[in-house]
């Protein structure tokens, strides 16, 4: 109960006493903003499974870049673009439902990553775990700068293409009539999703970035109806979940990325409970 009895030591001192925690804090806040900007559209468009598949789709690029000694971020981005292209090709050429087509690519990309990484017997476990689950406490200033650039690009793109994304989300035919090119907007959203995933895998990890993409926006949609409000609320919820999870990890020695993701999911469950309680109260007294 130190977080209540001695709030300064629990909530503030870790950041004032440790430079790496201050760097990590910036990385967490930028990750929450970047994933919320994109994750809101993913949730509203019902693209959660595609988002998960794309999150795993970057792994072969990371693995190949790691084996060859190249920059893993560049490898991840190339793999993400390949996954985006593959999803669009399979969806247009295959008679299978979208989820089946995406699932095939999902399994193929993930399997390829594990096969490639398993060839590096000496360093397989440690490095693969780092790629999958992140290393938030090992984030450097260069990582924060890269995250800042990715978040800035995402923010500008969402603002510029907001109308196309908004209309296309709720009525693709209307978007086409208005000349907003809904298919192009969809591909652009997939590219932004790739940017968010690639920029965030070094912090919360490849497997856990999905929680930040989905949980905070899903929580925000329980109470907000306007898209800008959902984005703002998701950013706040993601930031709070990230900071609380980081502090839990610091004080109790748990895995940082998993702790933050778990806090994000817990926030959704609390929000859902509050929504149910509110609806029942309204039904009883209205």
C-alpha atoms as a PDB file:
ATOM      1  CA  UNK A   1       0.000   0.000   0.000  1.00  0.00           C
ATOM      2  CA  UNK A   2       3.003   2.294  -0.363  1.00  0.00           C
ATOM      3  CA  UNK A   3       1.321   4.010  -3.303  1.00  0.00           C
ATOM      4  CA  UNK A   4      -1.220   5.351  -0.766  1.00  0.00           C
ATOM      5  CA  UNK A   5       0.855   5.736   2.391  1.00  0.00           C
ATOM      6  CA  UNK A   6       3.903   7.263   0.683  1.00  0.00           C
ATOM      7  CA  UNK A   7       2.729   8.565  -2.694  1.00  0.00           C
ATOM      8  CA  UNK A   8       5.878  10.591  -3.386  1.00  0.00           C
ATOM      9  CA  UNK A   9       8.178   7.583  -3.039  1.00  0.00           C
ATOM     10  CA  UNK A  10       5.910   5.379  -5.138  1.00  0.00           C
ATOM     11  CA  UNK A  11       4.679   7.721  -7.875  1.00  0.00           C
ATOM     12  CA  UNK A  12       7.310  10.464  -8.244  1.00  0.00           C
ATOM     13  CA  UNK A  13      10.682   9.401  -6.828  1.00  0.00           C
ATOM     14  CA  UNK A  14      11.361   6.705  -9.471  1.00  0.00           C
ATOM     15  CA  UNK A  15      11.329   9.438 -12.143  1.00  0.00           C
ATOM     16  CA  UNK A  16      13.230  12.088 -10.196  1.00  0.00           C
ATOM     17  CA  UNK A  17      15.932   9.675  -9.004  1.00  0.00           C
ATOM     18  CA  UNK A  18      16.533   7.685 -12.202  1.00  0.00           C
ATOM     19  CA  UNK A  19      17.382   9.139 -15.588  1.00  0.00           C
ATOM     20  CA  UNK A  20      16.480   5.894 -17.390  1.00  0.00           C
ATOM     21  CA  UNK A  21      12.958   6.108 -15.900  1.00  0.00           C
ATOM     22  CA  UNK A  22      12.526   9.629 -17.269  1.00  0.00           C
ATOM     23  CA  UNK A  23      13.600   8.458 -20.708  1.00  0.00           C
ATOM     24  CA  UNK A  24      11.279   5.500 -20.409  1.00  0.00           C
ATOM     25  CA  UNK A  25       8.406   7.763 -19.388  1.00  0.00           C
ATOM     26  CA  UNK A  26       8.725   9.779 -22.599  1.00  0.00           C
ATOM     27  CA  UNK A  27       8.781   6.563 -24.617  1.00  0.00           C
ATOM     28  CA  UNK A  28       5.644   5.303 -22.869  1.00  0.00           C
ATOM     29  CA  UNK A  29       3.705   8.541 -23.400  1.00  0.00           C
ATOM     30  CA  UNK A  30       4.665   8.746 -27.073  1.00  0.00           C
ATOM     31  CA  UNK A  31       3.778   5.083 -27.585  1.00  0.00           C
ATOM     32  CA  UNK A  32       0.371   5.613 -25.979  1.00  0.00           C
ATOM     33  CA  UNK A  33      -0.349   8.609 -28.222  1.00  0.00           C
ATOM     34  CA  UNK A  34       0.858   6.941 -31.423  1.00  0.00           C
ATOM     35  CA  UNK A  35      -1.046   3.705 -30.867  1.00  0.00           C
ATOM     36  CA  UNK A  36      -4.208   5.559 -29.815  1.00  0.00           C
ATOM     37  CA  UNK A  37      -4.186   7.716 -32.942  1.00  0.00           C
ATOM     38  CA  UNK A  38      -4.161   4.615 -35.143  1.00  0.00           C
ATOM     39  CA  UNK A  39      -5.895   2.179 -32.801  1.00  0.00           C
ATOM     40  CA  UNK A  40      -9.054   4.292 -32.678  1.00  0.00           C
ATOM     41  CA  UNK A  41      -9.614   3.746 -36.394  1.00  0.00           C
ATOM     42  CA  UNK A  42      -8.690   0.062 -36.086  1.00  0.00           C
ATOM     43  CA  UNK A  43     -11.362  -0.424 -33.415  1.00  0.00           C
ATOM     44  CA  UNK A  44     -14.030   1.645 -35.180  1.00  0.00           C
ATOM     45  CA  UNK A  45     -13.457  -0.191 -38.472  1.00  0.00           C
ATOM     46  CA  UNK A  46     -13.462  -3.655 -36.899  1.00  0.00           C
ATOM     47  CA  UNK A  47      -9.880  -4.311 -38.009  1.00  0.00           C
ATOM     48  CA  UNK A  48      -8.615  -5.795 -34.749  1.00  0.00           C
ATOM     49  CA  UNK A  49      -7.658  -9.159 -36.235  1.00  0.00           C
ATOM     50  CA  UNK A  50      -5.885  -7.456 -39.112  1.00  0.00           C
ATOM     51  CA  UNK A  51      -4.037  -5.299 -36.598  1.00  0.00           C
ATOM     52  CA  UNK A  52      -2.921  -8.380 -34.694  1.00  0.00           C
ATOM     53  CA  UNK A  53      -1.783 -10.074 -37.907  1.00  0.00           C
ATOM     54  CA  UNK A  54       0.180  -7.005 -38.937  1.00  0.00           C
ATOM     55  CA  UNK A  55       1.768  -6.787 -35.489  1.00  0.00           C
ATOM     56  CA  UNK A  56       3.091 -10.314 -35.991  1.00  0.00           C
ATOM     57  CA  UNK A  57       3.856  -9.688 -39.651  1.00  0.00           C
ATOM     58  CA  UNK A  58       6.831  -7.484 -38.816  1.00  0.00           C
ATOM     59  CA  UNK A  59       8.649 -10.345 -37.080  1.00  0.00           C
ATOM     60  CA  UNK A  60      10.258 -11.911 -40.187  1.00  0.00           C
ATOM     61  CA  UNK A  61      11.735  -8.537 -41.123  1.00  0.00           C
ATOM     62  CA  UNK A  62      13.102  -8.121 -37.610  1.00  0.00           C
ATOM     63  CA  UNK A  63      14.520 -11.648 -37.686  1.00  0.00           C
ATOM     64  CA  UNK A  64      16.182 -11.285 -41.102  1.00  0.00           C
ATOM     65  CA  UNK A  65      17.650  -7.889 -40.209  1.00  0.00           C
ATOM     66  CA  UNK A  66      18.959  -9.265 -36.918  1.00  0.00           C
ATOM     67  CA  UNK A  67      20.582 -12.310 -38.558  1.00  0.00           C
ATOM     68  CA  UNK A  68      22.198 -10.190 -41.276  1.00  0.00           C
ATOM     69  CA  UNK A  69      23.315  -7.501 -38.838  1.00  0.00           C
ATOM     70  CA  UNK A  70      21.100  -4.740 -40.248  1.00  0.00           C
ATOM     71  CA  UNK A  71      18.856  -2.265 -38.453  1.00  0.00           C
ATOM     72  CA  UNK A  72      15.881  -4.191 -37.053  1.00  0.00           C
ATOM     73  CA  UNK A  73      13.553  -1.191 -37.287  1.00  0.00           C
ATOM     74  CA  UNK A  74      14.161  -0.943 -41.034  1.00  0.00           C
ATOM     75  CA  UNK A  75      13.606  -4.679 -41.387  1.00  0.00           C
ATOM     76  CA  UNK A  76      10.373  -4.456 -39.420  1.00  0.00           C
ATOM     77  CA  UNK A  77       9.047  -1.637 -41.609  1.00  0.00           C
ATOM     78  CA  UNK A  78       9.857  -3.500 -44.837  1.00  0.00           C
ATOM     79  CA  UNK A  79       8.108  -6.603 -43.489  1.00  0.00           C
ATOM     80  CA  UNK A  80       5.100  -4.511 -42.434  1.00  0.00           C
ATOM     81  CA  UNK A  81       4.764  -3.065 -45.938  1.00  0.00           C
ATOM     82  CA  UNK A  82       5.089  -6.584 -47.373  1.00  0.00           C
ATOM     83  CA  UNK A  83       2.319  -7.722 -45.039  1.00  0.00           C
ATOM     84  CA  UNK A  84       0.094  -4.813 -46.107  1.00  0.00           C
ATOM     85  CA  UNK A  85       0.679  -5.642 -49.781  1.00  0.00           C
ATOM     86  CA  UNK A  86       0.095  -9.340 -49.129  1.00  0.00           C
ATOM     87  CA  UNK A  87      -3.178  -8.715 -47.321  1.00  0.00           C
ATOM     88  CA  UNK A  88      -4.510  -6.600 -50.182  1.00  0.00           C
ATOM     89  CA  UNK A  89      -3.411  -9.120 -52.837  1.00  0.00           C
ATOM     90  CA  UNK A  90      -4.882 -12.114 -51.015  1.00  0.00           C
ATOM     91  CA  UNK A  91      -8.130 -10.295 -50.256  1.00  0.00           C
ATOM     92  CA  UNK A  92      -8.616  -9.356 -53.908  1.00  0.00           C
ATOM     93  CA  UNK A  93      -7.504 -12.692 -55.435  1.00  0.00           C
ATOM     94  CA  UNK A  94      -8.857 -15.241 -52.962  1.00  0.00           C
ATOM     95  CA  UNK A  95     -12.497 -16.348 -52.633  1.00  0.00           C
ATOM     96  CA  UNK A  96     -11.893 -16.975 -48.919  1.00  0.00           C
ATOM     97  CA  UNK A  97     -13.365 -14.668 -46.262  1.00  0.00           C
ATOM     98  CA  UNK A  98     -11.105 -11.842 -45.145  1.00  0.00           C
ATOM     99  CA  UNK A  99     -10.343 -13.383 -41.755  1.00  0.00           C
ATOM    100  CA  UNK A 100      -9.227 -16.671 -43.350  1.00  0.00           C
ATOM    101  CA  UNK A 101      -6.951 -14.903 -45.827  1.00  0.00           C
ATOM    102  CA  UNK A 102      -5.439 -12.714 -43.124  1.00  0.00           C
ATOM    103  CA  UNK A 103      -5.040 -15.725 -40.828  1.00  0.00           C
ATOM    104  CA  UNK A 104      -3.006 -17.619 -43.416  1.00  0.00           C
ATOM    105  CA  UNK A 105      -0.576 -14.728 -43.825  1.00  0.00           C
ATOM    106  CA  UNK A 106      -0.475 -14.265 -40.062  1.00  0.00           C
ATOM    107  CA  UNK A 107       0.600 -17.867 -39.443  1.00  0.00           C
ATOM    108  CA  UNK A 108       3.034 -17.842 -42.367  1.00  0.00           C
ATOM    109  CA  UNK A 109       4.833 -14.676 -41.304  1.00  0.00           C
ATOM    110  CA  UNK A 110       5.036 -15.706 -37.648  1.00  0.00           C
ATOM    111  CA  UNK A 111       6.318 -19.178 -38.519  1.00  0.00           C
ATOM    112  CA  UNK A 112       8.943 -17.730 -40.846  1.00  0.00           C
ATOM    113  CA  UNK A 113      10.182 -15.465 -38.065  1.00  0.00           C
ATOM    114  CA  UNK A 114      10.543 -18.317 -35.579  1.00  0.00           C
ATOM    115  CA  UNK A 115      12.341 -20.508 -38.149  1.00  0.00           C
ATOM    116  CA  UNK A 116      14.792 -17.719 -38.973  1.00  0.00           C
ATOM    117  CA  UNK A 117      15.466 -16.837 -35.353  1.00  0.00           C
ATOM    118  CA  UNK A 118      15.869 -20.481 -34.319  1.00  0.00           C
ATOM    119  CA  UNK A 119      18.897 -20.762 -36.598  1.00  0.00           C
ATOM    120  CA  UNK A 120      20.768 -18.486 -34.197  1.00  0.00           C
ATOM    121  CA  UNK A 121      21.070 -21.105 -31.461  1.00  0.00           C
ATOM    122  CA  UNK A 122      23.399 -19.179 -29.208  1.00  0.00           C
ATOM    123  CA  UNK A 123      21.253 -16.076 -28.880  1.00  0.00           C
ATOM    124  CA  UNK A 124      17.799 -17.329 -29.845  1.00  0.00           C
ATOM    125  CA  UNK A 125      15.934 -17.117 -26.551  1.00  0.00           C
ATOM    126  CA  UNK A 126      17.150 -13.799 -25.246  1.00  0.00           C
ATOM    127  CA  UNK A 127      16.929 -11.825 -28.455  1.00  0.00           C
ATOM    128  CA  UNK A 128      13.622 -13.298 -29.555  1.00  0.00           C
ATOM    129  CA  UNK A 129      12.141 -12.478 -26.159  1.00  0.00           C
ATOM    130  CA  UNK A 130      13.425  -8.918 -26.499  1.00  0.00           C
ATOM    131  CA  UNK A 131      11.733  -8.550 -29.883  1.00  0.00           C
ATOM    132  CA  UNK A 132       8.491 -10.150 -28.716  1.00  0.00           C
ATOM    133  CA  UNK A 133       8.101  -8.506 -25.312  1.00  0.00           C
ATOM    134  CA  UNK A 134      10.180  -5.339 -25.641  1.00  0.00           C
ATOM    135  CA  UNK A 135      12.789  -3.803 -23.391  1.00  0.00           C
ATOM    136  CA  UNK A 136      11.169  -0.624 -22.142  1.00  0.00           C
ATOM    137  CA  UNK A 137      13.741  -0.016 -19.395  1.00  0.00           C
ATOM    138  CA  UNK A 138      16.518  -0.217 -21.975  1.00  0.00           C
ATOM    139  CA  UNK A 139      15.081   2.523 -24.187  1.00  0.00           C
ATOM    140  CA  UNK A 140      17.623   5.114 -25.306  1.00  0.00           C
ATOM    141  CA  UNK A 141      17.318   8.744 -26.353  1.00  0.00           C
ATOM    142  CA  UNK A 142      17.582   7.607 -29.971  1.00  0.00           C
ATOM    143  CA  UNK A 143      14.577   5.321 -29.437  1.00  0.00           C
ATOM    144  CA  UNK A 144      12.593   8.212 -27.992  1.00  0.00           C
ATOM    145  CA  UNK A 145      13.542  10.402 -30.945  1.00  0.00           C
ATOM    146  CA  UNK A 146      12.441   7.702 -33.371  1.00  0.00           C
ATOM    147  CA  UNK A 147       9.161   7.321 -31.503  1.00  0.00           C
ATOM    148  CA  UNK A 148       8.658  11.101 -31.565  1.00  0.00           C
ATOM    149  CA  UNK A 149       9.142  11.194 -35.343  1.00  0.00           C
ATOM    150  CA  UNK A 150       6.729   8.281 -35.856  1.00  0.00           C
ATOM    151  CA  UNK A 151       4.130   9.868 -33.585  1.00  0.00           C
ATOM    152  CA  UNK A 152       4.449  13.223 -35.343  1.00  0.00           C
ATOM    153  CA  UNK A 153       4.003  11.595 -38.759  1.00  0.00           C
ATOM    154  CA  UNK A 154       0.972   9.691 -37.509  1.00  0.00           C
ATOM    155  CA  UNK A 155      -0.585  12.796 -35.942  1.00  0.00           C
ATOM    156  CA  UNK A 156      -0.137  14.900 -39.083  1.00  0.00           C
ATOM    157  CA  UNK A 157      -1.511  12.125 -41.315  1.00  0.00           C
ATOM    158  CA  UNK A 158      -4.583  11.594 -39.124  1.00  0.00           C
ATOM    159  CA  UNK A 159      -5.309  15.342 -39.090  1.00  0.00           C
ATOM    160  CA  UNK A 160      -4.815  15.765 -42.843  1.00  0.00           C
ATOM    161  CA  UNK A 161      -6.831  12.699 -43.833  1.00  0.00           C
ATOM    162  CA  UNK A 162      -9.337  12.884 -40.998  1.00  0.00           C
ATOM    163  CA  UNK A 163     -12.382  13.466 -43.225  1.00  0.00           C
ATOM    164  CA  UNK A 164     -11.503  10.599 -45.567  1.00  0.00           C
ATOM    165  CA  UNK A 165     -10.938   8.246 -42.632  1.00  0.00           C
ATOM    166  CA  UNK A 166     -14.121   9.374 -40.848  1.00  0.00           C
ATOM    167  CA  UNK A 167     -16.514   9.060 -43.785  1.00  0.00           C
ATOM    168  CA  UNK A 168     -14.867   5.861 -45.024  1.00  0.00           C
ATOM    169  CA  UNK A 169     -15.201   4.288 -41.593  1.00  0.00           C
ATOM    170  CA  UNK A 170     -18.973   4.641 -41.453  1.00  0.00           C
ATOM    171  CA  UNK A 171     -20.013   4.730 -45.129  1.00  0.00           C
ATOM    172  CA  UNK A 172     -17.574   3.721 -47.873  1.00  0.00           C
ATOM    173  CA  UNK A 173     -20.094   4.405 -50.624  1.00  0.00           C
ATOM    174  CA  UNK A 174     -20.622   7.952 -49.417  1.00  0.00           C
ATOM    175  CA  UNK A 175     -16.864   8.417 -49.218  1.00  0.00           C
ATOM    176  CA  UNK A 176     -16.526   7.283 -52.839  1.00  0.00           C
ATOM    177  CA  UNK A 177     -19.323   9.637 -53.942  1.00  0.00           C
ATOM    178  CA  UNK A 178     -17.557  12.530 -52.213  1.00  0.00           C
ATOM    179  CA  UNK A 179     -14.301  11.644 -53.992  1.00  0.00           C
ATOM    180  CA  UNK A 180     -12.480  10.710 -50.791  1.00  0.00           C
ATOM    181  CA  UNK A 181     -10.966   7.505 -52.239  1.00  0.00           C
ATOM    182  CA  UNK A 182     -11.909   5.106 -49.417  1.00  0.00           C
ATOM    183  CA  UNK A 183      -9.690   2.259 -50.695  1.00  0.00           C
ATOM    184  CA  UNK A 184      -6.666   4.551 -50.797  1.00  0.00           C
ATOM    185  CA  UNK A 185      -7.527   5.804 -47.305  1.00  0.00           C
ATOM    186  CA  UNK A 186      -7.713   2.190 -46.107  1.00  0.00           C
ATOM    187  CA  UNK A 187      -4.261   1.426 -47.504  1.00  0.00           C
ATOM    188  CA  UNK A 188      -2.946   4.628 -45.935  1.00  0.00           C
ATOM    189  CA  UNK A 189      -4.374   3.541 -42.589  1.00  0.00           C
ATOM    190  CA  UNK A 190      -2.573   0.205 -42.924  1.00  0.00           C
ATOM    191  CA  UNK A 191       0.681   2.073 -43.549  1.00  0.00           C
ATOM    192  CA  UNK A 192       0.081   4.232 -40.452  1.00  0.00           C
ATOM    193  CA  UNK A 193      -0.664   1.061 -38.512  1.00  0.00           C
ATOM    194  CA  UNK A 194       2.663  -0.311 -39.696  1.00  0.00           C
ATOM    195  CA  UNK A 195       4.441   2.846 -38.548  1.00  0.00           C
ATOM    196  CA  UNK A 196       2.815   2.636 -35.108  1.00  0.00           C
ATOM    197  CA  UNK A 197       3.717  -1.030 -34.687  1.00  0.00           C
ATOM    198  CA  UNK A 198       7.287  -0.682 -35.921  1.00  0.00           C
ATOM    199  CA  UNK A 199       7.998   2.369 -33.781  1.00  0.00           C
ATOM    200  CA  UNK A 200       6.524   0.758 -30.665  1.00  0.00           C
ATOM    201  CA  UNK A 201       7.942  -2.764 -30.767  1.00  0.00           C
ATOM    202  CA  UNK A 202      11.202  -1.643 -29.115  1.00  0.00           C
ATOM    203  CA  UNK A 203       9.281  -0.347 -26.094  1.00  0.00           C
ATOM    204  CA  UNK A 204       6.277  -2.536 -25.262  1.00  0.00           C
ATOM    205  CA  UNK A 205       7.288  -5.365 -27.594  1.00  0.00           C
ATOM    206  CA  UNK A 206       5.793  -6.829 -30.734  1.00  0.00           C
ATOM    207  CA  UNK A 207       3.252  -9.097 -29.048  1.00  0.00           C
ATOM    208  CA  UNK A 208       2.174  -6.507 -26.480  1.00  0.00           C
ATOM    209  CA  UNK A 209       1.816  -3.498 -28.783  1.00  0.00           C
ATOM    210  CA  UNK A 210      -1.510  -5.012 -29.848  1.00  0.00           C
ATOM    211  CA  UNK A 211      -2.876  -4.380 -26.337  1.00  0.00           C
ATOM    212  CA  UNK A 212      -2.066  -0.679 -26.659  1.00  0.00           C
ATOM    213  CA  UNK A 213      -3.598  -0.511 -30.126  1.00  0.00           C
ATOM    214  CA  UNK A 214      -6.902  -2.017 -29.022  1.00  0.00           C
ATOM    215  CA  UNK A 215      -7.521  -1.702 -25.265  1.00  0.00           C
ATOM    216  CA  UNK A 216      -7.382   2.113 -24.736  1.00  0.00           C
ATOM    217  CA  UNK A 217      -9.507   2.980 -27.837  1.00  0.00           C
ATOM    218  CA  UNK A 218     -11.967   0.198 -26.982  1.00  0.00           C
ATOM    219  CA  UNK A 219     -12.260   1.596 -23.450  1.00  0.00           C
ATOM    220  CA  UNK A 220     -12.806   5.116 -24.777  1.00  0.00           C
ATOM    221  CA  UNK A 221     -15.608   3.987 -27.114  1.00  0.00           C
ATOM    222  CA  UNK A 222     -17.560   2.722 -24.100  1.00  0.00           C
ATOM    223  CA  UNK A 223     -18.278   6.316 -23.059  1.00  0.00           C
ATOM    224  CA  UNK A 224     -17.361   8.645 -25.940  1.00  0.00           C
ATOM    225  CA  UNK A 225     -19.276   9.008 -29.197  1.00  0.00           C
ATOM    226  CA  UNK A 226     -17.277  11.573 -31.182  1.00  0.00           C
ATOM    227  CA  UNK A 227     -14.067  10.337 -32.835  1.00  0.00           C
ATOM    228  CA  UNK A 228     -11.826  13.208 -31.600  1.00  0.00           C
ATOM    229  CA  UNK A 229     -13.058  12.535 -28.065  1.00  0.00           C
ATOM    230  CA  UNK A 230     -12.318   8.823 -28.458  1.00  0.00           C
ATOM    231  CA  UNK A 231      -8.780   9.581 -29.651  1.00  0.00           C
ATOM    232  CA  UNK A 232      -8.144  12.010 -26.782  1.00  0.00           C
ATOM    233  CA  UNK A 233      -9.610   9.667 -24.162  1.00  0.00           C
ATOM    234  CA  UNK A 234      -7.704   6.675 -25.560  1.00  0.00           C
ATOM    235  CA  UNK A 235      -4.447   8.641 -25.381  1.00  0.00           C
ATOM    236  CA  UNK A 236      -5.088   9.521 -21.729  1.00  0.00           C
ATOM    237  CA  UNK A 237      -6.133   5.970 -20.813  1.00  0.00           C
ATOM    238  CA  UNK A 238      -3.125   4.492 -22.609  1.00  0.00           C
ATOM    239  CA  UNK A 239      -0.775   6.961 -20.916  1.00  0.00           C
ATOM    240  CA  UNK A 240      -2.155   6.230 -17.449  1.00  0.00           C
ATOM    241  CA  UNK A 241      -2.027   2.473 -18.040  1.00  0.00           C
ATOM    242  CA  UNK A 242       1.531   2.782 -19.315  1.00  0.00           C
ATOM    243  CA  UNK A 243       2.747   4.849 -16.361  1.00  0.00           C
ATOM    244  CA  UNK A 244       1.019   2.649 -13.768  1.00  0.00           C
ATOM    245  CA  UNK A 245       2.341  -0.508 -15.408  1.00  0.00           C
ATOM    246  CA  UNK A 246       5.834   0.957 -15.553  1.00  0.00           C
ATOM    247  CA  UNK A 247       5.758   1.830 -11.848  1.00  0.00           C
ATOM    248  CA  UNK A 248       4.409  -1.610 -10.928  1.00  0.00           C
ATOM    249  CA  UNK A 249       7.290  -3.121 -12.870  1.00  0.00           C
ATOM    250  CA  UNK A 250       9.804  -0.812 -11.169  1.00  0.00           C
ATOM    251  CA  UNK A 251       8.628  -1.505  -7.624  1.00  0.00           C
ATOM    252  CA  UNK A 252       7.831  -5.215  -7.945  1.00  0.00           C
ATOM    253  CA  UNK A 253      10.286  -6.435 -10.573  1.00  0.00           C
ATOM    254  CA  UNK A 254       7.698  -7.631 -13.081  1.00  0.00           C
ATOM    255  CA  UNK A 255       8.039  -7.534 -16.865  1.00  0.00           C
ATOM    256  CA  UNK A 256       7.508  -3.898 -17.857  1.00  0.00           C
ATOM    257  CA  UNK A 257       5.818  -4.406 -21.229  1.00  0.00           C
ATOM    258  CA  UNK A 258       3.450  -7.063 -19.915  1.00  0.00           C
ATOM    259  CA  UNK A 259       2.638  -4.972 -16.830  1.00  0.00           C
ATOM    260  CA  UNK A 260       1.678  -2.000 -18.999  1.00  0.00           C
ATOM    261  CA  UNK A 261      -0.408  -4.137 -21.346  1.00  0.00           C
ATOM    262  CA  UNK A 262      -2.161  -5.768 -18.401  1.00  0.00           C
ATOM    263  CA  UNK A 263      -2.997  -2.347 -16.954  1.00  0.00           C
ATOM    264  CA  UNK A 264      -4.473  -1.333 -20.313  1.00  0.00           C
ATOM    265  CA  UNK A 265      -6.679  -4.423 -20.360  1.00  0.00           C
ATOM    266  CA  UNK A 266      -7.634  -3.860 -16.708  1.00  0.00           C
ATOM    267  CA  UNK A 267      -8.706  -0.318 -17.610  1.00  0.00           C
ATOM    268  CA  UNK A 268     -11.014  -1.739 -20.274  1.00  0.00           C
ATOM    269  CA  UNK A 269     -12.562  -4.207 -17.808  1.00  0.00           C
ATOM    270  CA  UNK A 270     -13.106  -1.411 -15.283  1.00  0.00           C
ATOM    271  CA  UNK A 271     -14.639   0.764 -17.982  1.00  0.00           C
ATOM    272  CA  UNK A 272     -16.894  -2.066 -19.115  1.00  0.00           C
ATOM    273  CA  UNK A 273     -18.018  -2.642 -15.526  1.00  0.00           C
ATOM    274  CA  UNK A 274     -18.770   1.055 -15.164  1.00  0.00           C
ATOM    275  CA  UNK A 275     -20.713   1.055 -18.435  1.00  0.00           C
ATOM    276  CA  UNK A 276     -22.824  -1.930 -17.348  1.00  0.00           C
ATOM    277  CA  UNK A 277     -23.506  -0.353 -13.952  1.00  0.00           C
ATOM    278  CA  UNK A 278     -24.502   2.935 -15.594  1.00  0.00           C
ATOM    279  CA  UNK A 279     -26.859   1.221 -18.042  1.00  0.00           C
ATOM    280  CA  UNK A 280     -28.519  -0.782 -15.292  1.00  0.00           C
ATOM    281  CA  UNK A 281     -28.939   2.327 -13.170  1.00  0.00           C
ATOM    282  CA  UNK A 282     -30.443   4.218 -16.106  1.00  0.00           C
ATOM    283  CA  UNK A 283     -32.805   1.342 -16.943  1.00  0.00           C
ATOM    284  CA  UNK A 284     -34.018   1.198 -13.332  1.00  0.00           C
ATOM    285  CA  UNK A 285     -34.699   4.893 -12.806  1.00  0.00           C
ATOM    286  CA  UNK A 286     -35.617   6.147 -16.269  1.00  0.00           C
END
